[in-house]
């Protein structure tokens, strides 16, 4: 990623007291450390499917965003997060680059 490129916009959406938010934060931080991407993170608490990770406005799982509170059990995988970060940075991510284990 070029140093002149703007940071990637990341939004973490969740309902109050979501029991899975910390797991998603940890997975995202691990992926961020591996990717080296520059990001601007915004955490939004409210009536969302929770937790949801948006990168440049798109749900990294490919799911359509519905603005109704609900508990999500389909947490994004490391591979999905790394691929979304690579796409947002203007690159592509193969399974190997995305840490396909």
Protein backbone atom coordinates (compact mmCIF):
# COMPACT_ATOMS: atom_id res chain seq x y z
CA UNK A 1 0.00 0.00 0.00
CA UNK A 2 1.33 3.39 -0.96
CA UNK A 3 2.04 5.79 1.94
CA UNK A 4 0.05 8.44 0.05
CA UNK A 5 -3.05 6.26 -0.09
CA UNK A 6 -5.79 7.20 2.35
CA UNK A 7 -6.40 4.78 5.20
CA UNK A 8 -8.91 2.00 4.65
CA UNK A 9 -12.24 2.76 6.30
CA UNK A 10 -13.24 0.05 8.79
CA UNK A 11 -16.45 -0.01 10.77
CA UNK A 12 -17.25 -2.41 13.57
CA UNK A 13 -20.99 -2.54 14.24
CA UNK A 14 -22.40 -4.10 17.39
CA UNK A 15 -25.24 -4.07 19.88
CA UNK A 16 -24.59 -3.23 23.54
CA UNK A 17 -23.15 -6.15 25.53
CA UNK A 18 -22.49 -8.28 22.43
CA UNK A 19 -20.72 -11.43 23.66
CA UNK A 20 -18.82 -11.88 20.38
CA UNK A 21 -17.45 -8.38 19.86
CA UNK A 22 -14.15 -9.05 21.64
CA UNK A 23 -13.51 -12.17 19.56
CA UNK A 24 -14.03 -10.18 16.36
CA UNK A 25 -11.81 -7.34 17.60
CA UNK A 26 -9.02 -9.82 18.37
CA UNK A 27 -9.30 -11.55 14.98
CA UNK A 28 -9.32 -8.19 13.19
CA UNK A 29 -6.29 -6.89 15.12
CA UNK A 30 -4.38 -10.10 14.29
CA UNK A 31 -5.22 -9.66 10.60
CA UNK A 32 -4.30 -6.00 10.71
CA UNK A 33 -0.88 -6.84 12.17
CA UNK A 34 -0.32 -9.42 9.40
CA UNK A 35 -1.47 -7.16 6.57
CA UNK A 36 0.27 -3.95 7.59
CA UNK A 37 -2.68 -1.99 6.20
CA UNK A 38 -3.35 1.56 7.35
CA UNK A 39 -6.90 1.78 8.61
CA UNK A 40 -9.27 4.21 10.22
CA UNK A 41 -11.45 2.23 12.63
CA UNK A 42 -14.86 3.41 13.76
CA UNK A 43 -16.82 1.41 16.33
CA UNK A 44 -20.57 1.97 16.21
CA UNK A 45 -22.85 0.67 18.94
CA UNK A 46 -26.50 0.51 17.96
CA UNK A 47 -29.26 -1.55 16.36
CA UNK A 48 -27.08 -3.65 14.04
CA UNK A 49 -26.55 -7.30 13.24
CA UNK A 50 -23.87 -7.89 15.84
CA UNK A 51 -21.00 -8.07 15.41
CA UNK A 52 -20.50 -6.90 11.83
CA UNK A 53 -17.20 -5.85 10.24
CA UNK A 54 -17.41 -3.47 7.29
CA UNK A 55 -14.39 -2.59 5.17
CA UNK A 56 -15.01 0.33 2.84
CA UNK A 57 -18.73 -0.09 3.50
CA UNK A 58 -18.95 -3.78 2.59
CA UNK A 59 -19.55 -6.65 5.00
CA UNK A 60 -16.44 -8.82 4.78
CA UNK A 61 -18.56 -11.98 4.85
CA UNK A 62 -20.39 -10.90 1.68
CA UNK A 63 -23.69 -10.72 3.53
CA UNK A 64 -26.10 -7.87 2.73
CA UNK A 65 -26.24 -5.37 5.58
CA UNK A 66 -29.60 -5.28 7.32
CA UNK A 67 -30.08 -2.53 9.85
CA UNK A 68 -31.94 -4.58 12.44
CA UNK A 69 -30.46 -5.74 15.74
CA UNK A 70 -29.64 -9.42 15.74
CA UNK A 71 -26.98 -11.80 16.99
CA UNK A 72 -24.59 -12.97 14.27
CA UNK A 73 -22.85 -16.27 14.60
CA UNK A 74 -21.19 -16.06 11.17
CA UNK A 75 -18.09 -14.19 12.32
CA UNK A 76 -15.68 -13.31 9.53
CA UNK A 77 -12.71 -15.59 9.12
CA UNK A 78 -9.11 -14.42 8.97
CA UNK A 79 -9.10 -15.25 5.27
CA UNK A 80 -12.17 -13.08 4.62
CA UNK A 81 -10.72 -10.15 6.58
CA UNK A 82 -7.30 -10.35 4.93
CA UNK A 83 -8.86 -10.60 1.46
CA UNK A 84 -11.11 -7.58 2.17
CA UNK A 85 -8.14 -5.55 3.40
CA UNK A 86 -6.15 -6.47 0.28
CA UNK A 87 -9.05 -5.51 -2.02
CA UNK A 88 -9.49 -2.20 -0.21
CA UNK A 89 -5.77 -1.50 -0.56
CA UNK A 90 -6.07 -2.04 -4.31
CA UNK A 91 -4.49 -5.47 -4.37
CA UNK A 92 -5.81 -8.95 -4.70
CA UNK A 93 -5.47 -11.70 -2.16
CA UNK A 94 -4.92 -15.31 -2.98
CA UNK A 95 -5.68 -17.97 -0.40
CA UNK A 96 -1.96 -18.28 0.33
CA UNK A 97 -1.48 -14.52 0.78
CA UNK A 98 -4.56 -14.39 2.98
CA UNK A 99 -3.02 -16.96 5.27
CA UNK A 100 -5.06 -19.86 3.94
CA UNK A 101 -4.32 -22.46 6.53
